[in-house]
Amino acid sequence: MSPSTFIVFWLLIKLSYAEDSCPEVKVVGIGDSDKLTILRGCPGIPGSHGLKGDVGPPGEKGEHGTKGTQGIKGEKGEFGTVETIYAARNCKELLDQGFFLSDWYTIYPDGESPLKVLCDMHTDGGGWIVFQRRWDGSMDFFRDWKSYKNGFGSRLNEFWLGNDNIHMLTSAVARELRIDLVDFESTKYYAKYSSFKILEESQNYTLLLGGFVNGNAGDSLTYHNNMKFSTKEQDNDENSGNCAEHLNAGWWYRDCYHSNLNGLYLSGQHETTKHGISWRSAKGLNYSFKFVEMKLR
């Protein structure tokens, strides 16, 4: 292609672009006097973006999608640590934890072995473990060594908690002792001692008693201090005879007694030849109480 031909070709292309981009002239009107010439220019440069509009209202919730495939099973986790729940060792600890109703509870005196006991949560500040109760004569307390060793009776009525259990409750530390009595005239008595402990069976459950603290019943147990426990077939007293056999009970007899809280259930005043639930310093040995509880804390 010659140079002149190329120039002509280039001009034709330029003119075609100019025809597309040049303003368009348009004449409108009916008559000569009404004609109006309109010149339409080329498009201007795009303006700048306007301000962002407000967020529109949320759209309707879409339908649930199809369930995806199950993921890969994770690795097995490590074993968790076992937390130890503290178990009360006595009724006082239960009371401190908020158990304020007098009832039968399970305690763990040695931290491991469970023991069901009656807790007195009301008397003298509460927290007492009741280990003996008499109140209706429904239970026979004239029993052998094994019965007193293991315990006997009913939770609903009369019982002896058992010398093995009483030893376990007092072996680590000597406990306070309180004795509550009620006569047939509904008069209440009590006696309180600073400490109470009995030794193990190999030492015949020897009684180790602290000092008399107070109480309108007076002191009728110190006489029995340091004495071994006796039953009808196991005589450990200082009497020439068998006090347990003679007095129809198991107790820490000396020669023979100032108290006999496991004696026969009799109705108040009785003959000398009968031996009831007696506490000498309160109403003499010829009076049998209607109600008695022995308890430690």
Protein backbone atom coordinates (compact mmCIF):
# COMPACT_ATOMS: atom_id res chain seq x y z
CA MET A 1 0.00 0.00 0.00
CA SER A 2 1.35 3.44 -1.04
CA PRO A 3 1.62 6.25 1.52
CA SER A 4 -1.13 8.26 -0.12
CA THR A 5 -3.49 5.32 -0.09
CA PHE A 6 -2.81 4.72 3.67
CA ILE A 7 -3.60 8.37 4.48
CA VAL A 8 -6.90 8.23 2.65
CA PHE A 9 -7.80 5.00 4.45
CA TRP A 10 -6.97 6.55 7.86
CA LEU A 11 -9.09 9.65 7.14
CA LEU A 12 -12.07 7.48 6.24
CA ILE A 13 -11.80 5.65 9.57
CA LYS A 14 -11.51 8.94 11.47
CA LEU A 15 -14.55 10.39 9.72
CA SER A 16 -16.57 7.28 10.57
CA TYR A 17 -15.72 7.70 14.27
CA ALA A 18 -16.52 11.39 14.08
CA GLU A 19 -19.90 10.59 12.57
CA ASP A 20 -20.71 8.34 15.45
CA SER A 21 -19.53 10.75 18.12
CA CYS A 22 -20.45 14.18 16.73
CA PRO A 23 -23.52 15.98 18.00
CA GLU A 24 -26.77 15.18 16.21
CA VAL A 25 -28.82 18.09 14.88
CA LYS A 26 -32.60 17.59 14.90
CA VAL A 27 -35.26 20.06 13.60
CA VAL A 28 -38.78 19.65 15.00
CA GLY A 29 -41.99 21.59 14.35
CA ILE A 30 -44.96 21.71 11.98
CA GLY A 31 -44.66 25.03 10.15
CA ASP A 32 -41.73 27.17 9.27
CA SER A 33 -42.47 29.46 12.19
CA ASP A 34 -42.72 26.56 14.64
CA LYS A 35 -39.50 24.84 13.72
CA LEU A 36 -37.02 24.37 16.57
CA THR A 37 -33.53 23.20 16.15
CA ILE A 38 -32.30 20.73 18.85
CA LEU A 39 -28.64 19.98 19.18
CA ARG A 40 -27.84 16.82 21.09
CA GLY A 41 -24.30 16.83 22.37
CA CYS A 42 -21.99 13.97 23.11
CA PRO A 43 -22.31 12.08 26.51
CA GLY A 44 -20.47 13.82 29.32
CA ILE A 45 -17.86 12.35 31.67
CA PRO A 46 -19.45 10.05 34.34
CA GLY A 47 -20.06 11.85 37.60
CA SER A 48 -18.64 10.78 41.02
CA HIS A 49 -20.36 8.07 43.13
CA GLY A 50 -23.24 9.24 45.29
CA LEU A 51 -23.56 8.68 49.05
CA LYS A 52 -24.25 5.13 50.26
CA GLY A 53 -27.93 4.54 50.90
CA ASP A 54 -29.51 3.29 54.11
CA VAL A 55 -29.53 -0.41 54.86
CA GLY A 56 -32.70 -1.98 53.66
CA PRO A 57 -35.00 -4.11 55.85
CA PRO A 58 -33.86 -7.73 56.47
CA GLY A 59 -35.09 -10.24 54.02
CA GLU A 60 -37.20 -13.26 54.89
CA LYS A 61 -35.42 -16.27 56.46
CA GLY A 62 -34.52 -18.81 53.85
CA GLU A 63 -35.32 -22.48 53.96
CA HIS A 64 -32.99 -24.93 55.73
CA GLY A 65 -30.39 -26.35 53.48
CA THR A 66 -29.83 -30.03 53.03
CA LYS A 67 -27.99 -31.84 55.84
CA GLY A 68 -24.29 -32.01 55.24
CA THR A 69 -22.18 -35.11 55.42
CA GLN A 70 -20.92 -36.23 58.86
CA GLY A 71 -17.47 -34.98 59.74
CA ILE A 72 -14.48 -37.08 60.64
CA LYS A 73 -14.55 -38.58 64.16
CA GLY A 74 -12.33 -36.66 66.57
CA GLU A 75 -9.62 -38.12 68.72
CA LYS A 76 -10.54 -39.62 72.10
CA GLY A 77 -10.10 -37.12 74.94
CA GLU A 78 -8.12 -37.65 78.11
CA PHE A 79 -9.72 -39.01 81.28
CA GLY A 80 -11.00 -36.29 83.62
CA THR A 81 -9.94 -36.02 87.24
CA VAL A 82 -12.23 -37.48 89.91
CA GLU A 83 -13.35 -34.86 92.43
CA THR A 84 -13.83 -36.04 96.00
CA ILE A 85 -17.08 -34.97 97.68
CA TYR A 86 -16.46 -34.29 101.35
CA ALA A 87 -18.44 -36.60 103.62
CA ALA A 88 -19.26 -35.51 107.18
CA ARG A 89 -17.58 -37.44 109.98
CA ASN A 90 -20.14 -36.56 112.64
CA CYS A 91 -23.43 -34.75 113.26
CA LYS A 92 -21.72 -31.47 114.13
CA GLU A 93 -20.18 -31.30 110.66
CA LEU A 94 -23.59 -32.02 109.13
CA LEU A 95 -25.08 -29.20 111.17
CA ASP A 96 -22.33 -26.86 109.95
CA GLN A 97 -23.22 -27.87 106.37
CA GLY A 98 -26.83 -26.78 106.88
CA PHE A 99 -28.57 -30.01 107.92
CA PHE A 100 -30.66 -28.65 110.78
CA LEU A 101 -33.40 -31.30 111.15
CA SER A 102 -33.02 -34.00 113.81
CA ASP A 103 -33.06 -37.28 111.89
CA TRP A 104 -31.07 -40.34 110.86
CA TYR A 105 -28.07 -39.48 108.66
CA THR A 106 -25.12 -41.34 107.15
CA ILE A 107 -21.75 -40.19 108.45
CA TYR A 108 -18.18 -41.41 107.82
CA PRO A 109 -16.34 -41.40 111.18
CA ASP A 110 -13.09 -42.78 109.73
CA GLY A 111 -13.48 -40.99 106.39
CA GLU A 112 -14.40 -44.19 104.54
CA SER A 113 -16.89 -46.49 106.30
CA PRO A 114 -20.53 -45.29 106.38
CA LEU A 115 -22.49 -45.35 109.63
CA LYS A 116 -26.17 -44.51 110.05
CA VAL A 117 -26.76 -42.42 113.17
CA LEU A 118 -29.47 -40.36 114.81
CA CYS A 119 -28.48 -36.68 114.92
CA ASP A 120 -30.00 -34.38 117.55
CA MET A 121 -29.78 -30.97 115.86
CA HIS A 122 -31.76 -29.02 118.48
CA THR A 123 -30.59 -29.79 122.02
CA ASP A 124 -27.90 -27.52 123.49
CA GLY A 125 -26.69 -26.14 120.15
CA GLY A 126 -27.27 -29.35 118.19
CA GLY A 127 -24.81 -31.65 116.43
CA TRP A 128 -25.16 -34.58 118.88
CA ILE A 129 -24.84 -38.26 117.91
CA VAL A 130 -27.43 -40.23 119.89
CA PHE A 131 -26.04 -43.67 120.77
CA GLN A 132 -28.70 -44.82 123.26
CA ARG A 133 -32.44 -44.14 123.57
CA ARG A 134 -35.16 -45.47 125.88
CA TRP A 135 -38.74 -44.24 125.79
CA ASP A 136 -41.40 -46.94 125.58
CA GLY A 137 -40.02 -50.28 126.81
CA SER A 138 -40.38 -51.87 123.37
CA MET A 139 -36.83 -53.23 123.33
CA ASP A 140 -35.20 -55.78 125.65
CA PHE A 141 -31.84 -54.43 126.93
CA PHE A 142 -30.98 -57.52 128.95
CA ARG A 143 -28.71 -58.86 126.21
CA ASP A 144 -25.40 -60.65 125.71
CA TRP A 145 -21.94 -59.31 124.89
CA LYS A 146 -22.29 -59.77 121.11
CA SER A 147 -25.53 -57.78 121.01
CA TYR A 148 -23.98 -54.85 122.88
CA LYS A 149 -20.88 -55.13 120.67
CA ASN A 150 -22.81 -54.87 117.36
CA GLY A 151 -25.78 -52.78 118.50
CA PHE A 152 -29.48 -53.52 118.49
CA GLY A 153 -32.92 -51.93 118.47
CA SER A 154 -35.13 -49.91 116.18
CA ARG A 155 -34.58 -46.51 114.60
CA LEU A 156 -38.19 -45.67 115.36
CA ASN A 157 -38.07 -46.58 119.05
CA GLU A 158 -35.29 -47.79 121.38
CA PHE A 159 -31.74 -48.73 120.45
CA TRP A 160 -28.08 -49.16 121.45
CA LEU A 161 -25.70 -48.07 118.66
CA GLY A 162 -23.11 -50.74 119.47
CA ASN A 163 -19.88 -50.65 121.47
CA ASP A 164 -17.74 -51.10 118.35
CA ASN A 165 -19.39 -48.06 116.78
CA ILE A 166 -19.17 -46.01 119.97
CA HIS A 167 -15.47 -46.87 120.20
CA MET A 168 -14.94 -45.81 116.57
CA LEU A 169 -16.74 -42.51 117.19
CA THR A 170 -14.57 -41.71 120.22
CA SER A 171 -11.23 -43.32 119.31
CA ALA A 172 -9.69 -40.36 117.46
CA VAL A 173 -10.77 -37.75 119.98
CA ALA A 174 -12.75 -37.75 123.21
CA ARG A 175 -16.24 -36.32 122.75
CA GLU A 176 -18.55 -34.33 124.99
CA LEU A 177 -21.24 -36.44 126.63
CA ARG A 178 -24.77 -35.33 127.39
CA ILE A 179 -27.50 -37.40 129.06
CA ASP A 180 -31.12 -36.28 128.84
CA LEU A 181 -33.79 -37.77 131.10
CA VAL A 182 -37.54 -37.21 131.52
CA ASP A 183 -39.55 -38.64 134.43
CA PHE A 184 -43.19 -39.74 134.42
CA GLU A 185 -44.19 -36.31 135.70
CA SER A 186 -42.67 -34.78 132.50
CA THR A 187 -39.85 -33.10 134.44
CA LYS A 188 -36.67 -32.85 132.36
CA TYR A 189 -33.16 -33.52 133.66
CA TYR A 190 -29.73 -33.54 132.10
CA ALA A 191 -26.08 -34.17 132.94
CA LYS A 192 -23.13 -33.03 130.86
CA TYR A 193 -19.49 -34.24 130.90
CA SER A 194 -16.41 -32.66 129.33
CA SER A 195 -15.31 -35.84 127.56
CA PHE A 196 -16.39 -39.42 126.90
CA LYS A 197 -14.48 -42.30 125.34
CA ILE A 198 -14.55 -46.09 125.39
CA LEU A 199 -11.60 -48.33 124.51
CA GLU A 200 -11.66 -51.21 122.04
CA GLU A 201 -13.07 -54.69 122.64
CA SER A 202 -9.70 -56.19 123.65
CA GLN A 203 -9.85 -53.76 126.60
CA ASN A 204 -13.48 -54.63 127.30
CA TYR A 205 -14.74 -51.22 126.15
CA THR A 206 -13.35 -49.51 129.27
CA LEU A 207 -15.04 -46.17 130.02
CA LEU A 208 -12.85 -43.04 130.12
CA LEU A 209 -14.93 -40.15 131.39
CA GLY A 210 -14.06 -36.47 131.74
CA GLY A 211 -15.27 -34.15 134.48
CA PHE A 212 -18.89 -33.38 135.27
CA VAL A 213 -19.68 -29.99 133.69
CA ASN A 214 -23.25 -29.18 134.75
CA GLY A 215 -26.84 -30.38 134.79
CA ASN A 216 -29.79 -30.60 137.15
CA ALA A 217 -29.58 -34.41 137.12
CA GLY A 218 -26.31 -34.29 139.04
CA ASP A 219 -23.36 -36.65 138.57
CA SER A 220 -24.11 -40.37 138.67
CA LEU A 221 -21.59 -41.57 136.07
CA THR A 222 -18.19 -40.62 137.52
CA TYR A 223 -18.57 -43.59 139.90
CA HIS A 224 -18.35 -45.84 136.81
CA ASN A 225 -15.25 -44.18 135.32
CA ASN A 226 -12.39 -46.50 134.28
CA MET A 227 -14.66 -49.54 134.52
CA LYS A 228 -14.96 -52.27 131.89
CA PHE A 229 -18.26 -53.05 130.23
CA SER A 230 -20.18 -56.02 131.63
CA THR A 231 -23.05 -58.17 130.33
CA LYS A 232 -24.94 -61.13 131.76
CA GLU A 233 -22.33 -63.65 130.50
CA GLN A 234 -19.25 -61.38 130.67
CA ASP A 235 -18.64 -60.23 134.23
CA ASN A 236 -16.03 -57.45 134.42
CA ASP A 237 -17.14 -55.61 137.56
CA GLU A 238 -15.57 -55.40 141.04
CA ASN A 239 -18.49 -57.06 142.79
CA SER A 240 -18.25 -60.62 144.07
CA GLY A 241 -21.36 -61.40 142.04
CA ASN A 242 -22.39 -60.45 138.52
CA CYS A 243 -23.92 -56.96 138.55
CA ALA A 244 -25.14 -57.22 134.94
CA GLU A 245 -27.01 -60.44 135.71
CA HIS A 246 -28.43 -58.98 138.90
CA LEU A 247 -29.45 -55.63 137.35
CA ASN A 248 -30.79 -57.01 134.04
CA ALA A 249 -28.63 -54.89 131.75
CA GLY A 250 -25.24 -54.21 130.19
CA TRP A 251 -23.25 -51.31 131.72
CA TRP A 252 -19.91 -50.16 133.15
CA TYR A 253 -20.67 -51.59 136.61
CA ARG A 254 -18.33 -51.16 139.54
CA ASP A 255 -19.79 -52.47 142.83
CA CYS A 256 -22.50 -52.19 141.52
CA TYR A 257 -23.99 -48.85 140.32
CA HIS A 258 -24.99 -45.22 140.67
CA SER A 259 -26.66 -45.27 137.26
CA ASN A 260 -28.26 -48.02 135.20
CA LEU A 261 -29.62 -46.46 131.99
CA ASN A 262 -29.96 -49.82 130.21
CA GLY A 263 -32.04 -51.31 133.05
CA LEU A 264 -35.61 -52.57 132.97
CA TYR A 265 -38.28 -50.21 131.65
CA LEU A 266 -40.47 -49.61 134.71
CA SER A 267 -43.07 -46.99 135.55
CA GLY A 268 -41.47 -44.46 137.87
CA GLN A 269 -41.14 -45.36 141.53
CA HIS A 270 -40.57 -49.09 142.09
CA GLU A 271 -39.49 -51.63 144.69
CA THR A 272 -35.84 -52.02 145.63
CA THR A 273 -35.76 -55.57 144.28
CA LYS A 274 -36.43 -54.27 140.73
CA HIS A 275 -33.82 -52.37 138.82
CA GLY A 276 -35.07 -49.84 136.33
CA ILE A 277 -33.61 -46.96 134.32
CA SER A 278 -32.06 -45.15 137.26
CA TRP A 279 -29.85 -42.10 137.90
CA ARG A 280 -29.11 -41.91 141.61
CA SER A 281 -28.36 -38.17 141.96
CA ALA A 282 -31.62 -37.20 140.24
CA LYS A 283 -34.36 -39.37 141.80
CA GLY A 284 -32.59 -42.22 143.60
CA LEU A 285 -32.10 -45.85 142.61
CA ASN A 286 -35.75 -46.79 143.14
CA TYR A 287 -37.06 -44.57 140.35
CA SER A 288 -37.13 -45.59 136.68
CA PHE A 289 -37.22 -42.77 134.10
CA LYS A 290 -39.70 -42.61 131.25
CA PHE A 291 -37.25 -41.27 128.66
CA VAL A 292 -33.46 -41.20 128.34
CA GLU A 293 -30.98 -40.39 125.59
CA MET A 294 -27.20 -40.67 125.71
CA LYS A 295 -25.43 -38.55 123.10
CA LEU A 296 -21.94 -37.38 122.20
CA ARG A 297 -20.54 -34.45 120.25
